[in-house]
Amino acid sequence: MPPRRASHPDRAGEIIASAARLFREKGVRAVSIDEIVQGAGIAKGTFYLYFKTKDELLAKLAGAVVLQIAQAAELAGRGQGTALDRFAAAVVAMQHVDRAEQYLVDALNHPENSALHDLANIALVRQVAPVLAAIVEQGKIEGVFDVEDELATLEFLLAGQAALLGGGRFNWSPEEHAVRLRATMIIVERALGAPKGALLQRLASLG
């Protein structure tokens, strides 16, 4: 029996998988389209049937990672414990995905990809804020959160942290970034009306 020809979704998926693997190994800027198609086992012309440029492929990967972050947060948010426990678990799950796809974070932090970075952040706000808001809504019933409009508040918080900590605009050192990340978590805690130190304590325990 001859080998099965990949259908269109399969072929696009092979290209994306090959690119993601190479990007993780070498970094986005060091990988050529020739290497991507070689890794996918396809002709170069086939690549252009699905993606006009490497940047378009990068945008597709960014969208997939944002979706993965939202799904990770939703899954973690279904766990055991109070809404505050589940909110902390969702935040940590999001961070784990972000760290696993560091090649993409590095690529989006380059000035030439600022437009794509902004689009990814918009998608992040739109997809993640409702997931976290659902947890906070339950937390209001439990009495661990106290906020008037959890969705709008979380949209603001997510957009703000993305502007301050993402994109490489401020060129923070690792130490400066860590200080501002902690400050962000304190602001989140206060904005959602959680008990002082409760969110930070749970985040620290989850690593």
C-alpha atoms as a PDB file:
ATOM      1  CA  MET A   1       0.000   0.000   0.000  1.00  0.00           C
ATOM      2  CA  PRO A   2       1.472   3.425  -0.950  1.00  0.00           C
ATOM      3  CA  PRO A   3       2.011   5.883   1.907  1.00  0.00           C
ATOM      4  CA  ARG A   4      -0.973   8.054   2.757  1.00  0.00           C
ATOM      5  CA  ARG A   5      -0.737  11.549   1.408  1.00  0.00           C
ATOM      6  CA  ALA A   6      -1.165  14.169   4.074  1.00  0.00           C
ATOM      7  CA  SER A   7      -4.385  16.124   3.834  1.00  0.00           C
ATOM      8  CA  HIS A   8      -4.220  19.918   3.898  1.00  0.00           C
ATOM      9  CA  PRO A   9      -4.577  20.222   7.698  1.00  0.00           C
ATOM     10  CA  ASP A  10      -1.944  17.507   8.170  1.00  0.00           C
ATOM     11  CA  ARG A  11       0.502  19.263   5.854  1.00  0.00           C
ATOM     12  CA  ALA A  12       0.118  22.634   7.552  1.00  0.00           C
ATOM     13  CA  GLY A  13       0.538  20.906  10.896  1.00  0.00           C
ATOM     14  CA  GLU A  14       3.750  19.255   9.717  1.00  0.00           C
ATOM     15  CA  ILE A  15       5.159  22.628   8.686  1.00  0.00           C
ATOM     16  CA  ILE A  16       4.223  24.194  12.020  1.00  0.00           C
ATOM     17  CA  ALA A  17       5.662  21.263  13.985  1.00  0.00           C
ATOM     18  CA  SER A  18       8.920  21.383  12.019  1.00  0.00           C
ATOM     19  CA  ALA A  19       9.221  25.146  12.518  1.00  0.00           C
ATOM     20  CA  ALA A  20       8.473  24.940  16.243  1.00  0.00           C
ATOM     21  CA  ARG A  21      11.102  22.228  16.733  1.00  0.00           C
ATOM     22  CA  LEU A  22      13.771  24.194  14.852  1.00  0.00           C
ATOM     23  CA  PHE A  23      12.849  27.473  16.528  1.00  0.00           C
ATOM     24  CA  ARG A  24      13.287  25.859  19.949  1.00  0.00           C
ATOM     25  CA  GLU A  25      16.663  24.445  18.955  1.00  0.00           C
ATOM     26  CA  LYS A  26      18.163  27.456  17.172  1.00  0.00           C
ATOM     27  CA  GLY A  27      15.964  30.490  17.776  1.00  0.00           C
ATOM     28  CA  VAL A  28      13.593  31.993  15.242  1.00  0.00           C
ATOM     29  CA  ARG A  29      16.043  34.332  13.512  1.00  0.00           C
ATOM     30  CA  ALA A  30      18.578  31.560  12.870  1.00  0.00           C
ATOM     31  CA  VAL A  31      16.132  29.257  11.054  1.00  0.00           C
ATOM     32  CA  SER A  32      15.491  29.529   7.312  1.00  0.00           C
ATOM     33  CA  ILE A  33      12.439  28.437   5.362  1.00  0.00           C
ATOM     34  CA  ASP A  34      14.685  25.904   3.602  1.00  0.00           C
ATOM     35  CA  GLU A  35      15.419  24.263   6.949  1.00  0.00           C
ATOM     36  CA  ILE A  36      11.733  24.237   7.888  1.00  0.00           C
ATOM     37  CA  VAL A  37      10.657  22.495   4.687  1.00  0.00           C
ATOM     38  CA  GLN A  38      13.528  20.042   4.930  1.00  0.00           C
ATOM     39  CA  GLY A  39      12.472  19.166   8.475  1.00  0.00           C
ATOM     40  CA  ALA A  40       8.873  18.727   7.325  1.00  0.00           C
ATOM     41  CA  GLY A  41       9.911  16.617   4.332  1.00  0.00           C
ATOM     42  CA  ILE A  42       8.140  18.802   1.796  1.00  0.00           C
ATOM     43  CA  ALA A  43       9.012  20.879  -1.233  1.00  0.00           C
ATOM     44  CA  LYS A  44       9.620  24.577  -0.709  1.00  0.00           C
ATOM     45  CA  GLY A  45       6.721  25.423  -2.973  1.00  0.00           C
ATOM     46  CA  THR A  46       4.404  23.530  -0.646  1.00  0.00           C
ATOM     47  CA  PHE A  47       5.344  25.866   2.202  1.00  0.00           C
ATOM     48  CA  TYR A  48       4.067  28.841   0.221  1.00  0.00           C
ATOM     49  CA  LEU A  49       0.713  27.161  -0.316  1.00  0.00           C
ATOM     50  CA  TYR A  50       0.082  27.653   3.412  1.00  0.00           C
ATOM     51  CA  PHE A  51       2.285  30.548   4.519  1.00  0.00           C
ATOM     52  CA  LYS A  52       3.448  33.557   2.540  1.00  0.00           C
ATOM     53  CA  THR A  53       6.400  34.291   4.824  1.00  0.00           C
ATOM     54  CA  LYS A  54       8.168  33.023   7.929  1.00  0.00           C
ATOM     55  CA  ASP A  55       6.521  35.894   9.823  1.00  0.00           C
ATOM     56  CA  GLU A  56       3.087  34.567   8.871  1.00  0.00           C
ATOM     57  CA  LEU A  57       4.105  31.161  10.199  1.00  0.00           C
ATOM     58  CA  LEU A  58       5.345  32.831  13.391  1.00  0.00           C
ATOM     59  CA  ALA A  59       1.963  34.539  13.783  1.00  0.00           C
ATOM     60  CA  LYS A  60       0.249  31.162  13.478  1.00  0.00           C
ATOM     61  CA  LEU A  61       2.533  29.744  16.166  1.00  0.00           C
ATOM     62  CA  ALA A  62       1.866  32.730  18.419  1.00  0.00           C
ATOM     63  CA  GLY A  63      -1.878  32.161  18.103  1.00  0.00           C
ATOM     64  CA  ALA A  64      -1.449  28.494  18.958  1.00  0.00           C
ATOM     65  CA  VAL A  65       0.613  29.322  22.056  1.00  0.00           C
ATOM     66  CA  VAL A  66      -1.961  31.870  23.262  1.00  0.00           C
ATOM     67  CA  LEU A  67      -4.640  29.206  22.897  1.00  0.00           C
ATOM     68  CA  GLN A  68      -2.429  26.753  24.791  1.00  0.00           C
ATOM     69  CA  ILE A  69      -1.999  29.301  27.608  1.00  0.00           C
ATOM     70  CA  ALA A  70      -5.761  29.816  27.857  1.00  0.00           C
ATOM     71  CA  GLN A  71      -6.409  26.067  27.874  1.00  0.00           C
ATOM     72  CA  ALA A  72      -3.750  25.504  30.538  1.00  0.00           C
ATOM     73  CA  ALA A  73      -5.317  28.196  32.729  1.00  0.00           C
ATOM     74  CA  GLU A  74      -8.781  26.729  32.268  1.00  0.00           C
ATOM     75  CA  LEU A  75      -7.629  23.206  33.132  1.00  0.00           C
ATOM     76  CA  ALA A  76      -5.724  24.353  36.221  1.00  0.00           C
ATOM     77  CA  GLY A  77      -8.708  26.445  37.256  1.00  0.00           C
ATOM     78  CA  ARG A  78     -10.835  23.314  37.545  1.00  0.00           C
ATOM     79  CA  GLY A  79      -8.644  21.866  40.293  1.00  0.00           C
ATOM     80  CA  GLN A  80      -9.223  21.451  43.983  1.00  0.00           C
ATOM     81  CA  GLY A  81      -9.261  24.126  46.671  1.00  0.00           C
ATOM     82  CA  THR A  82     -10.700  27.593  46.982  1.00  0.00           C
ATOM     83  CA  ALA A  83     -11.067  29.947  44.063  1.00  0.00           C
ATOM     84  CA  LEU A  84      -7.903  31.662  45.294  1.00  0.00           C
ATOM     85  CA  ASP A  85      -6.037  28.332  45.108  1.00  0.00           C
ATOM     86  CA  ARG A  86      -7.363  27.717  41.620  1.00  0.00           C
ATOM     87  CA  PHE A  87      -6.562  31.238  40.458  1.00  0.00           C
ATOM     88  CA  ALA A  88      -2.961  30.810  41.611  1.00  0.00           C
ATOM     89  CA  ALA A  89      -2.784  27.415  39.885  1.00  0.00           C
ATOM     90  CA  ALA A  90      -4.067  28.975  36.664  1.00  0.00           C
ATOM     91  CA  VAL A  91      -1.416  31.716  36.801  1.00  0.00           C
ATOM     92  CA  VAL A  92       1.365  29.173  37.362  1.00  0.00           C
ATOM     93  CA  ALA A  93       0.063  26.991  34.516  1.00  0.00           C
ATOM     94  CA  MET A  94       0.174  30.006  32.200  1.00  0.00           C
ATOM     95  CA  GLN A  95       3.752  30.736  33.245  1.00  0.00           C
ATOM     96  CA  HIS A  96       4.787  27.146  32.555  1.00  0.00           C
ATOM     97  CA  VAL A  97       3.518  27.351  28.969  1.00  0.00           C
ATOM     98  CA  ASP A  98       5.209  30.714  28.512  1.00  0.00           C
ATOM     99  CA  ARG A  99       8.567  29.342  29.708  1.00  0.00           C
ATOM    100  CA  ALA A 100       8.250  26.223  27.554  1.00  0.00           C
ATOM    101  CA  GLU A 101       7.872  28.399  24.454  1.00  0.00           C
ATOM    102  CA  GLN A 102      10.715  30.793  25.265  1.00  0.00           C
ATOM    103  CA  TYR A 103      11.831  30.841  21.628  1.00  0.00           C
ATOM    104  CA  LEU A 104       8.555  32.528  20.728  1.00  0.00           C
ATOM    105  CA  VAL A 105       8.803  35.031  23.578  1.00  0.00           C
ATOM    106  CA  ASP A 106      12.334  35.911  22.427  1.00  0.00           C
ATOM    107  CA  ALA A 107      11.182  36.368  18.834  1.00  0.00           C
ATOM    108  CA  LEU A 108       8.245  38.580  19.772  1.00  0.00           C
ATOM    109  CA  ASN A 109      10.548  40.720  21.877  1.00  0.00           C
ATOM    110  CA  HIS A 110      12.497  41.836  18.803  1.00  0.00           C
ATOM    111  CA  PRO A 111      11.506  45.376  17.690  1.00  0.00           C
ATOM    112  CA  GLU A 112      10.719  44.228  14.150  1.00  0.00           C
ATOM    113  CA  ASN A 113       8.028  41.924  15.555  1.00  0.00           C
ATOM    114  CA  SER A 114       6.340  44.574  17.698  1.00  0.00           C
ATOM    115  CA  ALA A 115       3.126  44.498  15.636  1.00  0.00           C
ATOM    116  CA  LEU A 116       2.873  40.731  15.992  1.00  0.00           C
ATOM    117  CA  HIS A 117       3.649  41.038  19.707  1.00  0.00           C
ATOM    118  CA  ASP A 118       0.753  43.471  20.114  1.00  0.00           C
ATOM    119  CA  LEU A 119      -1.608  41.151  18.229  1.00  0.00           C
ATOM    120  CA  ALA A 120      -0.560  38.227  20.438  1.00  0.00           C
ATOM    121  CA  ASN A 121      -1.197  40.300  23.557  1.00  0.00           C
ATOM    122  CA  ILE A 122      -4.654  41.296  22.333  1.00  0.00           C
ATOM    123  CA  ALA A 123      -5.458  37.623  21.743  1.00  0.00           C
ATOM    124  CA  LEU A 124      -4.096  36.783  25.199  1.00  0.00           C
ATOM    125  CA  VAL A 125      -6.337  39.356  26.877  1.00  0.00           C
ATOM    126  CA  ARG A 126      -9.417  38.242  24.966  1.00  0.00           C
ATOM    127  CA  GLN A 127      -8.899  34.517  25.573  1.00  0.00           C
ATOM    128  CA  VAL A 128      -7.426  34.416  29.074  1.00  0.00           C
ATOM    129  CA  ALA A 129      -9.386  37.146  30.854  1.00  0.00           C
ATOM    130  CA  PRO A 130     -12.744  35.277  30.653  1.00  0.00           C
ATOM    131  CA  VAL A 131     -11.095  32.103  31.985  1.00  0.00           C
ATOM    132  CA  LEU A 132      -9.666  33.885  35.015  1.00  0.00           C
ATOM    133  CA  ALA A 133     -12.840  35.939  35.466  1.00  0.00           C
ATOM    134  CA  ALA A 134     -14.876  32.759  35.869  1.00  0.00           C
ATOM    135  CA  ILE A 135     -12.605  31.709  38.742  1.00  0.00           C
ATOM    136  CA  VAL A 136     -12.834  35.140  40.361  1.00  0.00           C
ATOM    137  CA  GLU A 137     -16.626  35.131  40.019  1.00  0.00           C
ATOM    138  CA  GLN A 138     -16.755  31.914  42.037  1.00  0.00           C
ATOM    139  CA  GLY A 139     -14.299  33.447  44.480  1.00  0.00           C
ATOM    140  CA  LYS A 140     -16.671  36.350  45.091  1.00  0.00           C
ATOM    141  CA  ILE A 141     -19.300  33.829  46.165  1.00  0.00           C
ATOM    142  CA  GLU A 142     -16.760  32.165  48.450  1.00  0.00           C
ATOM    143  CA  GLY A 143     -15.703  35.521  49.879  1.00  0.00           C
ATOM    144  CA  VAL A 144     -12.041  35.303  48.825  1.00  0.00           C
ATOM    145  CA  PHE A 145     -12.333  37.973  46.110  1.00  0.00           C
ATOM    146  CA  ASP A 146     -14.056  41.346  46.210  1.00  0.00           C
ATOM    147  CA  VAL A 147     -14.169  43.167  42.883  1.00  0.00           C
ATOM    148  CA  GLU A 148     -17.012  44.902  41.069  1.00  0.00           C
ATOM    149  CA  ASP A 149     -16.275  43.921  37.464  1.00  0.00           C
ATOM    150  CA  GLU A 150     -13.863  40.998  37.369  1.00  0.00           C
ATOM    151  CA  LEU A 151     -13.698  40.696  33.573  1.00  0.00           C
ATOM    152  CA  ALA A 152     -12.863  44.338  32.873  1.00  0.00           C
ATOM    153  CA  THR A 153     -10.410  44.385  35.787  1.00  0.00           C
ATOM    154  CA  LEU A 154      -8.577  41.308  34.513  1.00  0.00           C
ATOM    155  CA  GLU A 155      -8.485  42.640  30.963  1.00  0.00           C
ATOM    156  CA  PHE A 156      -6.820  45.790  32.278  1.00  0.00           C
ATOM    157  CA  LEU A 157      -4.362  43.828  34.415  1.00  0.00           C
ATOM    158  CA  LEU A 158      -3.389  41.446  31.615  1.00  0.00           C
ATOM    159  CA  ALA A 159      -2.917  44.263  29.120  1.00  0.00           C
ATOM    160  CA  GLY A 160      -0.882  46.266  31.630  1.00  0.00           C
ATOM    161  CA  GLN A 161       1.498  43.457  32.538  1.00  0.00           C
ATOM    162  CA  ALA A 162       1.973  42.606  28.866  1.00  0.00           C
ATOM    163  CA  ALA A 163       2.968  46.212  28.122  1.00  0.00           C
ATOM    164  CA  LEU A 164       5.307  46.497  31.105  1.00  0.00           C
ATOM    165  CA  LEU A 165       6.914  43.062  31.120  1.00  0.00           C
ATOM    166  CA  GLY A 166       6.593  41.876  27.519  1.00  0.00           C
ATOM    167  CA  GLY A 167       7.996  43.019  24.227  1.00  0.00           C
ATOM    168  CA  GLY A 168      11.412  43.995  25.549  1.00  0.00           C
ATOM    169  CA  ARG A 169      10.428  47.669  25.413  1.00  0.00           C
ATOM    170  CA  PHE A 170      12.004  48.490  28.770  1.00  0.00           C
ATOM    171  CA  ASN A 171      15.028  46.176  28.506  1.00  0.00           C
ATOM    172  CA  TRP A 172      14.662  44.990  32.096  1.00  0.00           C
ATOM    173  CA  SER A 173      17.459  42.948  33.569  1.00  0.00           C
ATOM    174  CA  PRO A 174      16.381  39.574  35.014  1.00  0.00           C
ATOM    175  CA  GLU A 175      16.479  41.098  38.491  1.00  0.00           C
ATOM    176  CA  GLU A 176      14.438  44.142  37.466  1.00  0.00           C
ATOM    177  CA  HIS A 177      11.931  41.907  35.692  1.00  0.00           C
ATOM    178  CA  ALA A 178      11.516  39.731  38.803  1.00  0.00           C
ATOM    179  CA  VAL A 179      10.877  42.796  40.999  1.00  0.00           C
ATOM    180  CA  ARG A 180       8.220  44.098  38.620  1.00  0.00           C
ATOM    181  CA  LEU A 181       6.612  40.687  38.258  1.00  0.00           C
ATOM    182  CA  ARG A 182       6.220  40.509  42.029  1.00  0.00           C
ATOM    183  CA  ALA A 183       4.794  44.039  42.048  1.00  0.00           C
ATOM    184  CA  THR A 184       2.352  42.979  39.335  1.00  0.00           C
ATOM    185  CA  MET A 185       1.121  40.090  41.462  1.00  0.00           C
ATOM    186  CA  ILE A 186       0.606  42.453  44.417  1.00  0.00           C
ATOM    187  CA  ILE A 187      -1.416  44.779  42.176  1.00  0.00           C
ATOM    188  CA  VAL A 188      -3.487  41.825  40.926  1.00  0.00           C
ATOM    189  CA  GLU A 189      -4.122  40.741  44.498  1.00  0.00           C
ATOM    190  CA  ARG A 190      -5.292  44.201  45.539  1.00  0.00           C
ATOM    191  CA  ALA A 191      -7.347  44.839  42.401  1.00  0.00           C
ATOM    192  CA  LEU A 192      -9.273  41.602  42.905  1.00  0.00           C
ATOM    193  CA  GLY A 193      -9.838  42.298  46.590  1.00  0.00           C
ATOM    194  CA  ALA A 194      -7.993  39.208  47.827  1.00  0.00           C
ATOM    195  CA  PRO A 195      -6.602  39.086  51.382  1.00  0.00           C
ATOM    196  CA  LYS A 196      -3.190  40.720  51.641  1.00  0.00           C
ATOM    197  CA  GLY A 197      -0.406  38.285  50.767  1.00  0.00           C
ATOM    198  CA  ALA A 198      -2.801  35.411  50.028  1.00  0.00           C
ATOM    199  CA  LEU A 199      -2.103  35.215  46.294  1.00  0.00           C
ATOM    200  CA  LEU A 200       1.653  35.671  46.636  1.00  0.00           C
ATOM    201  CA  GLN A 201       1.782  32.953  49.278  1.00  0.00           C
ATOM    202  CA  ARG A 202      -0.015  30.487  47.041  1.00  0.00           C
ATOM    203  CA  LEU A 203       2.094  31.361  44.026  1.00  0.00           C
ATOM    204  CA  ALA A 204       5.259  30.822  46.054  1.00  0.00           C
ATOM    205  CA  SER A 205       4.050  27.420  47.246  1.00  0.00           C
ATOM    206  CA  LEU A 206       3.334  26.333  43.669  1.00  0.00           C
ATOM    207  CA  GLY A 207       6.744  27.471  42.445  1.00  0.00           C
END
